[in-house]
Amino acid sequence: MGLWTLLEGFLLLANALAIINEDRFLAPRGWSFSEFSVGRTKSLKGQIIGLIYATQYMRVPLILLNAICIVVKLVSG
């Protein structure tokens, strides 16, 4: 496994986190961002929820990174 494969894996994980729907998936399981107070965001669950919301706000850079990845795959074979 090379560095490029590892970066592609992180990109796929970021894509998966970016498309998670809060109303359908997160809220019924108690993972909604509005349910957490300021003090509870230090927990592991709070950190994961923060990561999910951070990736959802970074959708435009993810689109650009996906386009770069597709072009590199097309060129390199």
N, C-alpha and C. Protein backbone atom coordinates (compact mmCIF):
# COMPACT_ATOMS: atom_id res chain seq x y z
N MET A 1 0.85 -1.18 0.00
CA MET A 1 0.00 0.00 0.00
C MET A 1 0.89 1.23 0.00
N GLY A 2 0.69 2.06 -0.97
CA GLY A 2 1.50 3.26 -1.08
C GLY A 2 0.81 4.47 -0.49
N LEU A 3 1.51 5.59 -0.58
CA LEU A 3 0.99 6.84 -0.05
C LEU A 3 -0.23 7.29 -0.83
N TRP A 4 -0.22 7.09 -2.16
CA TRP A 4 -1.35 7.50 -2.98
C TRP A 4 -2.61 6.71 -2.59
N THR A 5 -2.48 5.43 -2.35
CA THR A 5 -3.61 4.60 -1.95
C THR A 5 -4.16 5.04 -0.60
N LEU A 6 -3.28 5.39 0.31
CA LEU A 6 -3.70 5.87 1.62
C LEU A 6 -4.45 7.20 1.50
N LEU A 7 -3.96 8.10 0.66
CA LEU A 7 -4.64 9.38 0.45
C LEU A 7 -6.00 9.18 -0.21
N GLU A 8 -6.10 8.25 -1.13
CA GLU A 8 -7.39 7.94 -1.75
C GLU A 8 -8.37 7.38 -0.72
N GLY A 9 -7.88 6.58 0.19
CA GLY A 9 -8.73 6.04 1.25
C GLY A 9 -9.27 7.13 2.15
N PHE A 10 -8.42 8.10 2.52
CA PHE A 10 -8.88 9.23 3.33
C PHE A 10 -9.88 10.09 2.56
N LEU A 11 -9.68 10.23 1.27
CA LEU A 11 -10.61 10.99 0.45
C LEU A 11 -11.96 10.30 0.38
N LEU A 12 -11.97 8.99 0.25
CA LEU A 12 -13.22 8.25 0.25
C LEU A 12 -13.94 8.34 1.59
N LEU A 13 -13.19 8.31 2.68
CA LEU A 13 -13.78 8.46 4.01
C LEU A 13 -14.37 9.85 4.18
N ALA A 14 -13.68 10.87 3.71
CA ALA A 14 -14.19 12.24 3.79
C ALA A 14 -15.45 12.39 2.94
N ASN A 15 -15.48 11.75 1.79
CA ASN A 15 -16.69 11.78 0.96
C ASN A 15 -17.86 11.12 1.67
N ALA A 16 -17.60 10.01 2.33
CA ALA A 16 -18.66 9.31 3.05
C ALA A 16 -19.20 10.16 4.19
N LEU A 17 -18.34 10.85 4.91
CA LEU A 17 -18.79 11.69 6.01
C LEU A 17 -19.52 12.93 5.52
N ALA A 18 -19.15 13.41 4.33
CA ALA A 18 -19.76 14.63 3.81
C ALA A 18 -21.19 14.42 3.34
N ILE A 19 -21.56 13.20 2.98
CA ILE A 19 -22.90 12.99 2.44
C ILE A 19 -23.88 12.43 3.45
N ILE A 20 -23.45 12.25 4.70
CA ILE A 20 -24.36 11.73 5.72
C ILE A 20 -25.45 12.77 5.99
N ASN A 21 -26.68 12.32 5.96
CA ASN A 21 -27.83 13.19 6.20
C ASN A 21 -28.15 13.21 7.69
N GLU A 22 -28.25 14.42 8.26
CA GLU A 22 -28.50 14.53 9.70
C GLU A 22 -29.90 14.05 10.07
N ASP A 23 -30.90 14.42 9.29
CA ASP A 23 -32.28 14.08 9.62
C ASP A 23 -32.55 12.59 9.52
N ARG A 24 -31.97 11.94 8.54
CA ARG A 24 -32.25 10.52 8.33
C ARG A 24 -31.34 9.59 9.14
N PHE A 25 -30.09 9.99 9.33
CA PHE A 25 -29.13 9.06 9.93
C PHE A 25 -28.67 9.47 11.32
N LEU A 26 -28.30 10.72 11.50
CA LEU A 26 -27.68 11.13 12.75
C LEU A 26 -28.69 11.39 13.87
N ALA A 27 -29.74 12.13 13.60
CA ALA A 27 -30.70 12.51 14.64
C ALA A 27 -31.42 11.32 15.28
N PRO A 28 -31.89 10.32 14.51
CA PRO A 28 -32.56 9.19 15.17
C PRO A 28 -31.64 8.37 16.08
N ARG A 29 -30.36 8.45 15.87
CA ARG A 29 -29.41 7.70 16.69
C ARG A 29 -28.81 8.52 17.81
N GLY A 30 -29.24 9.77 17.96
CA GLY A 30 -28.74 10.62 19.03
C GLY A 30 -27.41 11.27 18.72
N TRP A 31 -27.06 11.41 17.45
CA TRP A 31 -25.78 11.98 17.06
C TRP A 31 -25.94 13.37 16.44
N SER A 32 -27.02 14.04 16.77
CA SER A 32 -27.27 15.37 16.23
C SER A 32 -26.39 16.40 16.93
N PHE A 33 -25.96 17.40 16.17
CA PHE A 33 -25.08 18.42 16.73
C PHE A 33 -25.82 19.30 17.73
N SER A 34 -27.12 19.47 17.57
CA SER A 34 -27.89 20.32 18.46
C SER A 34 -28.10 19.69 19.83
N GLU A 35 -27.89 18.39 19.97
CA GLU A 35 -28.11 17.71 21.24
C GLU A 35 -26.94 17.86 22.21
N PHE A 36 -25.83 18.35 21.73
CA PHE A 36 -24.65 18.45 22.56
C PHE A 36 -24.46 19.85 23.10
N SER A 37 -24.16 19.91 24.38
CA SER A 37 -23.83 21.20 24.98
C SER A 37 -22.34 21.46 24.79
N VAL A 38 -21.88 22.61 25.22
CA VAL A 38 -20.49 23.00 25.00
C VAL A 38 -19.53 22.08 25.75
N GLY A 39 -19.87 21.66 26.93
CA GLY A 39 -18.98 20.83 27.73
C GLY A 39 -18.83 19.41 27.23
N ARG A 40 -19.84 18.91 26.54
CA ARG A 40 -19.80 17.51 26.11
C ARG A 40 -19.12 17.32 24.76
N THR A 41 -18.69 18.40 24.13
CA THR A 41 -18.04 18.25 22.83
C THR A 41 -16.61 17.75 22.97
N LYS A 42 -16.10 17.64 24.18
CA LYS A 42 -14.75 17.12 24.40
C LYS A 42 -14.71 15.60 24.40
N SER A 43 -15.88 14.95 24.48
CA SER A 43 -15.92 13.51 24.48
C SER A 43 -15.62 12.96 23.08
N LEU A 44 -15.40 11.66 23.00
CA LEU A 44 -15.11 11.03 21.71
C LEU A 44 -16.30 11.18 20.76
N LYS A 45 -17.51 10.99 21.28
CA LYS A 45 -18.71 11.14 20.46
C LYS A 45 -18.83 12.58 19.95
N GLY A 46 -18.55 13.55 20.79
CA GLY A 46 -18.60 14.95 20.38
C GLY A 46 -17.56 15.28 19.34
N GLN A 47 -16.37 14.68 19.47
CA GLN A 47 -15.31 14.91 18.49
C GLN A 47 -15.68 14.31 17.13
N ILE A 48 -16.30 13.14 17.13
CA ILE A 48 -16.71 12.51 15.88
C ILE A 48 -17.80 13.33 15.20
N ILE A 49 -18.76 13.83 16.00
CA ILE A 49 -19.82 14.66 15.44
C ILE A 49 -19.23 15.95 14.86
N GLY A 50 -18.27 16.53 15.54
CA GLY A 50 -17.60 17.71 15.02
C GLY A 50 -16.87 17.43 13.71
N LEU A 51 -16.24 16.25 13.61
CA LEU A 51 -15.57 15.86 12.37
C LEU A 51 -16.56 15.70 11.23
N ILE A 52 -17.71 15.11 11.52
CA ILE A 52 -18.74 14.94 10.49
C ILE A 52 -19.21 16.30 9.98
N TYR A 53 -19.47 17.22 10.89
CA TYR A 53 -19.95 18.53 10.46
C TYR A 53 -18.85 19.34 9.76
N ALA A 54 -17.61 19.15 10.14
CA ALA A 54 -16.52 19.85 9.46
C ALA A 54 -16.38 19.38 8.02
N THR A 55 -16.53 18.07 7.79
CA THR A 55 -16.43 17.57 6.42
C THR A 55 -17.63 18.00 5.59
N GLN A 56 -18.79 18.18 6.22
CA GLN A 56 -19.95 18.64 5.47
C GLN A 56 -19.79 20.08 5.02
N TYR A 57 -19.08 20.89 5.78
CA TYR A 57 -18.83 22.27 5.37
C TYR A 57 -17.72 22.37 4.33
N MET A 58 -16.90 21.36 4.19
CA MET A 58 -15.78 21.38 3.25
C MET A 58 -16.11 20.64 1.95
N ARG A 59 -17.34 20.75 1.47
CA ARG A 59 -17.75 20.02 0.28
C ARG A 59 -17.08 20.54 -1.00
N VAL A 60 -16.90 21.84 -1.12
CA VAL A 60 -16.28 22.39 -2.34
C VAL A 60 -14.83 21.92 -2.49
N PRO A 61 -14.00 21.98 -1.44
CA PRO A 61 -12.65 21.42 -1.59
C PRO A 61 -12.66 19.91 -1.86
N LEU A 62 -13.66 19.20 -1.33
CA LEU A 62 -13.75 17.77 -1.62
C LEU A 62 -14.05 17.53 -3.10
N ILE A 63 -14.88 18.36 -3.68
CA ILE A 63 -15.17 18.23 -5.11
C ILE A 63 -13.91 18.44 -5.93
N LEU A 64 -13.12 19.44 -5.55
CA LEU A 64 -11.86 19.70 -6.27
C LEU A 64 -10.88 18.55 -6.09
N LEU A 65 -10.76 18.03 -4.88
CA LEU A 65 -9.85 16.90 -4.64
C LEU A 65 -10.30 15.65 -5.41
N ASN A 66 -11.61 15.43 -5.49
CA ASN A 66 -12.11 14.30 -6.28
C ASN A 66 -11.79 14.47 -7.76
N ALA A 67 -11.92 15.68 -8.26
CA ALA A 67 -11.60 15.94 -9.67
C ALA A 67 -10.12 15.70 -9.94
N ILE A 68 -9.27 16.15 -9.03
CA ILE A 68 -7.82 15.92 -9.19
C ILE A 68 -7.51 14.43 -9.16
N CYS A 69 -8.14 13.72 -8.26
CA CYS A 69 -7.92 12.27 -8.15
C CYS A 69 -8.36 11.56 -9.43
N ILE A 70 -9.48 11.97 -9.99
CA ILE A 70 -9.97 11.35 -11.24
C ILE A 70 -9.01 11.63 -12.40
N VAL A 71 -8.52 12.85 -12.49
CA VAL A 71 -7.59 13.20 -13.57
C VAL A 71 -6.29 12.40 -13.44
N VAL A 72 -5.78 12.29 -12.22
CA VAL A 72 -4.54 11.53 -12.01
C VAL A 72 -4.75 10.06 -12.37
N LYS A 73 -5.91 9.50 -12.00
CA LYS A 73 -6.19 8.12 -12.34
C LYS A 73 -6.31 7.91 -13.86
N LEU A 74 -6.91 8.89 -14.55
CA LEU A 74 -7.04 8.78 -16.00
C LEU A 74 -5.68 8.87 -16.69
N VAL A 75 -4.81 9.74 -16.18
CA VAL A 75 -3.49 9.93 -16.80
C VAL A 75 -2.57 8.76 -16.51
N SER A 76 -2.57 8.31 -15.28
CA SER A 76 -1.62 7.26 -14.89
C SER A 76 -2.09 5.86 -15.23
N GLY A 77 -3.37 5.70 -15.41
CA GLY A 77 -3.88 4.40 -15.80
C GLY A 77 -4.30 3.60 -14.70
